[in-house]
Amino acid sequence: MLTGLPLFDAVYGSSAGTLNAAWLLCGRAESTMHAWWDPSIMRTTIDPRRALRRQPVVDTQFLVHTVYTEIMPMGFQEILHSTVEFHPIATDALTGHATDLHDQIRDQSSLQAALRASAAMPLLAGEPIEINGRRFVDAGVSEAVPVRTALADKATHIVALRTRRMDEPPSPPSRGERLVLSRWFAQRAPGAAEPWLSRQAVRAEEERLLASHPAILQIRPPIGSVRIGRTERRPRVLRAAVDTGRQAALNELGSIEDASMRFAPR
């Protein structure tokens, strides 16, 4: 595993991908990846019963400010001092636009706020996260894969680590989601309602861009692997997903290294 991603100029993350990006960037991903299937961490972080008490099902406050500081410390200072730029993406609650929070990060506290903002899933994770007077919700509402932001920043080559298989197409919100979340958006993030309702078209456009750009390498779980829901917390399922994703990345990057060695001039 690469420690701290030294071969990259910048790392972009959307939603839970921002949390993964932070672990990779600080160089502790391999030593701490077991946290993803640790029962005590996952059952405390994700608890559907909290919805009955009108509390967040996904407690990002506990995850970022307790797990990442006391139980499984993240290298916040390593991220802040890294020569590799960190670009967490979130959705502006008033405009609905994908927003790069890179310039909002100054210290550990603002970094933690950016992590929570990027993964502030509507309703499931509670209220939008406020940063410098602006409110943000999950990046996935406006940019599930932050490829447009990276290309706008003049990225020339992109490695996109995907969590969805190729045969998992984007789907529109269900009738139940519309009924429940439309009111939530109207009260808390009015500008984000339209991109959320249009998410199928937004994500389809992202897929076309990712598939057509000649300098983008996508690494995805193989067809047939288990689909992981947003509130999945079963240890065996989560461990299998982590192992599958890690092996997919090793296979893809290993094949590139082998090819470069075969065709390198001697």
Protein backbone atom coordinates (compact mmCIF):
# COMPACT_ATOMS: atom_id res chain seq x y z
CA MET A 1 0.00 0.00 0.00
CA LEU A 2 1.15 3.52 -0.77
CA THR A 3 1.61 5.60 2.37
CA GLY A 4 0.17 9.08 2.08
CA LEU A 5 -0.44 8.80 -1.71
CA PRO A 6 2.89 10.40 -2.69
CA LEU A 7 2.35 9.78 -6.42
CA PHE A 8 -0.72 12.02 -6.59
CA ASP A 9 -1.04 15.81 -6.67
CA ALA A 10 -4.53 15.90 -5.14
CA VAL A 11 -7.22 13.69 -3.65
CA TYR A 12 -10.93 14.38 -4.13
CA GLY A 13 -13.71 12.76 -2.15
CA SER A 14 -17.50 12.67 -2.13
CA SER A 15 -19.62 11.42 0.79
CA ALA A 16 -18.12 8.32 2.44
CA GLY A 17 -15.43 8.48 -0.24
CA THR A 18 -14.13 11.59 1.51
CA LEU A 19 -13.59 9.57 4.69
CA ASN A 20 -11.77 6.88 2.73
CA ALA A 21 -9.67 9.51 0.97
CA ALA A 22 -8.65 11.02 4.30
CA TRP A 23 -7.49 7.65 5.62
CA LEU A 24 -5.47 7.01 2.47
CA LEU A 25 -3.97 10.48 2.56
CA CYS A 26 -2.83 10.27 6.18
CA GLY A 27 -1.17 6.91 5.49
CA ARG A 28 -3.16 4.88 8.03
CA ALA A 29 -5.68 3.13 5.77
CA GLU A 30 -4.10 -0.31 5.90
CA SER A 31 -3.49 -0.35 9.65
CA THR A 32 -7.00 0.85 10.49
CA MET A 33 -9.20 -0.69 7.80
CA HIS A 34 -10.59 -3.21 10.30
CA ALA A 35 -12.60 -0.34 11.80
CA TRP A 36 -15.01 -0.69 8.87
CA TRP A 37 -16.17 -4.06 10.16
CA ASP A 38 -15.60 -3.56 13.89
CA PRO A 39 -19.03 -4.33 15.46
CA SER A 40 -18.78 -1.86 18.33
CA ILE A 41 -17.82 1.02 16.03
CA MET A 42 -20.34 0.31 13.29
CA ARG A 43 -23.28 -0.40 15.60
CA THR A 44 -22.69 2.82 17.46
CA THR A 45 -22.11 4.85 14.29
CA ILE A 46 -25.14 3.38 12.47
CA ASP A 47 -28.27 2.59 14.48
CA PRO A 48 -31.67 2.56 12.68
CA ARG A 49 -33.46 2.56 16.05
CA ARG A 50 -32.38 6.17 16.60
CA ALA A 51 -34.87 7.22 13.92
CA LEU A 52 -37.65 6.37 16.38
CA ARG A 53 -36.22 9.05 18.69
CA ARG A 54 -35.76 11.50 15.81
CA GLN A 55 -32.01 11.21 16.07
CA PRO A 56 -29.53 10.63 13.21
CA VAL A 57 -29.35 7.03 12.04
CA VAL A 58 -25.74 7.68 10.97
CA ASP A 59 -23.89 9.55 13.72
CA THR A 60 -21.06 11.37 11.95
CA GLN A 61 -20.44 13.44 15.10
CA PHE A 62 -19.47 10.28 16.97
CA LEU A 63 -17.54 8.90 13.99
CA VAL A 64 -15.38 11.96 13.33
CA HIS A 65 -15.01 13.39 16.83
CA THR A 66 -14.79 10.17 18.86
CA VAL A 67 -13.79 7.24 16.66
CA TYR A 68 -11.34 9.29 14.59
CA THR A 69 -9.80 11.01 17.62
CA GLU A 70 -9.93 8.49 20.50
CA ILE A 71 -10.74 4.96 19.30
CA MET A 72 -9.05 4.80 15.90
CA PRO A 73 -7.11 8.07 15.61
CA MET A 74 -6.88 9.58 12.16
CA GLY A 75 -3.74 11.47 11.23
CA PHE A 76 -5.37 14.90 10.98
CA GLN A 77 -2.04 16.69 11.16
CA GLU A 78 -0.60 14.47 8.44
CA ILE A 79 -3.49 15.48 6.18
CA LEU A 80 -3.09 19.17 7.00
CA HIS A 81 0.65 19.10 6.33
CA SER A 82 0.57 16.81 3.31
CA THR A 83 1.95 18.05 0.01
CA VAL A 84 -0.97 16.22 -1.62
CA GLU A 85 -4.00 18.54 -1.67
CA PHE A 86 -7.21 17.31 -0.01
CA HIS A 87 -10.50 18.29 -1.68
CA PRO A 88 -13.64 17.18 0.20
CA ILE A 89 -16.78 17.88 -1.85
CA ALA A 90 -20.16 18.79 -0.34
CA THR A 91 -23.48 20.13 -1.65
CA ASP A 92 -24.43 23.72 -0.83
CA ALA A 93 -27.82 23.59 0.90
CA LEU A 94 -29.02 26.86 -0.65
CA THR A 95 -27.73 26.57 -4.21
CA GLY A 96 -27.54 22.79 -4.67
CA HIS A 97 -24.11 23.17 -6.26
CA ALA A 98 -21.21 20.82 -5.64
CA THR A 99 -18.71 22.77 -3.52
CA ASP A 100 -15.03 22.08 -2.99
CA LEU A 101 -14.23 22.63 0.71
CA HIS A 102 -10.46 22.63 0.22
CA ASP A 103 -10.12 26.36 0.92
CA GLN A 104 -12.21 26.07 4.10
CA ILE A 105 -9.73 23.72 5.79
CA ARG A 106 -7.27 25.50 8.10
CA ASP A 107 -6.92 23.27 11.17
CA GLN A 108 -8.17 20.03 12.69
CA SER A 109 -11.57 21.46 13.62
CA SER A 110 -12.30 22.75 10.11
CA LEU A 111 -11.01 19.50 8.60
CA GLN A 112 -13.41 17.52 10.80
CA ALA A 113 -16.28 19.80 9.77
CA ALA A 114 -15.44 19.23 6.10
CA LEU A 115 -15.44 15.45 6.60
CA ARG A 116 -18.87 15.60 8.21
CA ALA A 117 -20.27 18.00 5.62
CA SER A 118 -19.24 15.78 2.71
CA ALA A 119 -20.98 12.77 4.30
CA ALA A 120 -24.07 14.58 5.68
CA MET A 121 -26.64 12.27 4.12
CA PRO A 122 -30.05 13.97 4.01
CA LEU A 123 -32.24 12.90 6.94
CA LEU A 124 -30.10 9.84 7.78
CA ALA A 125 -27.19 11.88 9.18
CA GLY A 126 -29.25 14.62 10.81
CA GLU A 127 -28.97 18.35 10.16
CA PRO A 128 -26.81 19.97 7.45
CA ILE A 129 -23.31 20.92 8.59
CA GLU A 130 -22.56 24.63 8.84
CA ILE A 131 -19.16 25.95 7.75
CA ASN A 132 -18.45 29.69 7.82
CA GLY A 133 -22.15 30.55 7.74
CA ARG A 134 -23.01 28.19 4.87
CA ARG A 135 -24.89 24.92 5.27
CA PHE A 136 -23.90 21.75 3.45
CA VAL A 137 -25.32 18.29 2.83
CA ASP A 138 -23.90 15.11 1.34
CA ALA A 139 -21.76 15.50 -1.78
CA GLY A 140 -23.64 12.65 -3.45
CA VAL A 141 -26.67 14.90 -3.92
CA SER A 142 -24.81 16.96 -6.54
CA GLU A 143 -21.63 15.02 -7.45
CA ALA A 144 -21.46 11.37 -6.45
CA VAL A 145 -18.05 10.96 -8.09
CA PRO A 146 -16.08 14.24 -7.96
CA VAL A 147 -14.75 13.94 -11.49
CA ARG A 148 -16.19 17.24 -12.76
CA THR A 149 -14.53 19.16 -9.95
CA ALA A 150 -11.19 17.45 -10.55
CA LEU A 151 -11.30 18.15 -14.28
CA ALA A 152 -12.29 21.78 -13.64
CA ASP A 153 -9.11 22.01 -11.55
CA LYS A 154 -7.12 20.91 -14.62
CA ALA A 155 -6.50 17.32 -13.54
CA THR A 156 -4.74 15.50 -16.36
CA HIS A 157 -4.97 11.91 -15.08
CA ILE A 158 -7.54 10.51 -12.64
CA VAL A 159 -7.83 7.24 -10.72
CA ALA A 160 -11.46 6.87 -9.64
CA LEU A 161 -12.06 4.43 -6.78
CA ARG A 162 -15.69 3.35 -7.15
CA THR A 163 -17.96 1.60 -4.65
CA ARG A 164 -20.64 0.57 -7.17
CA ARG A 165 -20.33 -2.28 -9.63
CA MET A 166 -20.62 -1.57 -13.34
CA ASP A 167 -24.05 -3.27 -13.38
CA GLU A 168 -25.51 -1.00 -10.67
CA PRO A 169 -27.08 1.86 -12.65
CA PRO A 170 -28.28 5.03 -10.88
CA SER A 171 -31.95 5.03 -9.98
CA PRO A 172 -34.43 7.86 -9.33
CA PRO A 173 -35.80 8.46 -5.81
CA SER A 174 -38.61 6.11 -4.92
CA ARG A 175 -42.09 7.40 -4.13
CA GLY A 176 -41.44 6.86 -0.43
CA GLU A 177 -38.18 8.80 -0.58
CA ARG A 178 -39.93 11.67 -2.34
CA LEU A 179 -42.66 11.82 0.28
CA VAL A 180 -40.27 11.78 3.25
CA LEU A 181 -37.33 13.77 1.93
CA SER A 182 -39.15 16.49 -0.01
CA ARG A 183 -40.27 18.08 3.26
CA TRP A 184 -36.80 17.64 4.78
CA PHE A 185 -35.19 19.43 1.84
CA ALA A 186 -37.79 22.20 1.86
CA GLN A 187 -37.03 22.98 5.51
CA ARG A 188 -33.27 22.43 5.65
CA ALA A 189 -31.69 22.44 2.19
CA PRO A 190 -34.09 23.93 -0.36
CA GLY A 191 -31.49 24.41 -3.07
CA ALA A 192 -30.44 20.78 -2.92
CA ALA A 193 -33.88 19.36 -3.62
CA GLU A 194 -33.70 19.70 -7.41
CA PRO A 195 -30.32 17.97 -7.91
CA TRP A 196 -31.48 15.22 -5.55
CA LEU A 197 -34.68 14.69 -7.56
CA SER A 198 -32.58 14.68 -10.75
CA ARG A 199 -29.91 12.37 -9.37
CA GLN A 200 -30.48 9.68 -11.99
CA ALA A 201 -29.65 12.09 -14.81
CA VAL A 202 -26.78 13.68 -12.86
CA ARG A 203 -25.16 10.34 -12.14
CA ALA A 204 -25.75 9.05 -15.66
CA GLU A 205 -23.84 12.07 -16.98
CA GLU A 206 -21.01 11.36 -14.51
CA GLU A 207 -20.87 7.78 -15.75
CA ARG A 208 -20.65 8.92 -19.37
CA LEU A 209 -17.84 11.32 -18.51
CA LEU A 210 -15.93 8.71 -16.52
CA ALA A 211 -16.28 6.12 -19.27
CA SER A 212 -15.38 8.42 -22.16
CA HIS A 213 -12.42 10.38 -20.79
CA PRO A 214 -9.15 8.84 -22.06
CA ALA A 215 -7.14 9.71 -18.93
CA ILE A 216 -9.49 8.26 -16.30
CA LEU A 217 -8.89 4.84 -14.77
CA GLN A 218 -11.88 3.43 -12.88
CA ILE A 219 -11.43 0.74 -10.25
CA ARG A 220 -14.72 -0.92 -9.32
CA PRO A 221 -15.96 -3.96 -7.40
CA PRO A 222 -16.35 -6.90 -9.78
CA ILE A 223 -19.75 -7.92 -11.11
CA GLY A 224 -21.28 -10.44 -8.73
CA SER A 225 -19.84 -8.90 -5.57
CA VAL A 226 -22.21 -7.96 -2.75
CA ARG A 227 -24.06 -4.65 -2.99
CA ILE A 228 -23.55 -2.50 0.11
CA GLY A 229 -26.33 -0.23 1.35
CA ARG A 230 -25.80 3.10 3.07
CA THR A 231 -26.71 1.69 6.49
CA GLU A 232 -25.05 -1.71 6.20
CA ARG A 233 -23.31 -2.71 9.44
CA ARG A 234 -23.00 -6.52 9.40
CA PRO A 235 -19.32 -7.30 10.09
CA ARG A 236 -18.99 -10.23 7.67
CA VAL A 237 -20.59 -8.29 4.81
CA LEU A 238 -18.49 -5.18 5.43
CA ARG A 239 -15.25 -7.12 5.76
CA ALA A 240 -15.96 -8.95 2.52
CA ALA A 241 -16.64 -5.62 0.80
CA VAL A 242 -13.36 -4.11 2.03
CA ASP A 243 -11.42 -7.21 0.93
CA THR A 244 -13.12 -7.17 -2.47
CA GLY A 245 -12.38 -3.49 -3.06
CA ARG A 246 -8.79 -3.78 -1.91
CA GLN A 247 -8.16 -6.77 -4.16
CA ALA A 248 -9.76 -5.00 -7.13
CA ALA A 249 -7.41 -2.04 -6.62
CA LEU A 250 -4.35 -4.26 -6.25
CA ASN A 251 -5.26 -6.23 -9.37
CA GLU A 252 -5.83 -3.14 -11.50
CA LEU A 253 -2.79 -1.22 -10.33
CA GLY A 254 -0.65 -4.34 -10.48
CA SER A 255 -1.60 -4.95 -14.11
CA ILE A 256 -0.62 -1.37 -14.97
CA GLU A 257 2.75 -1.77 -13.26
CA ASP A 258 3.37 -5.04 -15.10
CA ALA A 259 2.49 -3.43 -18.43
CA SER A 260 4.78 -0.45 -17.80
CA MET A 261 7.64 -2.81 -16.98
CA ARG A 262 7.06 -4.83 -20.16
CA PHE A 263 7.01 -1.79 -22.42
CA ALA A 264 9.64 0.35 -20.69
CA PRO A 265 12.66 1.11 -22.89
CA ARG A 266 15.84 -0.68 -21.90
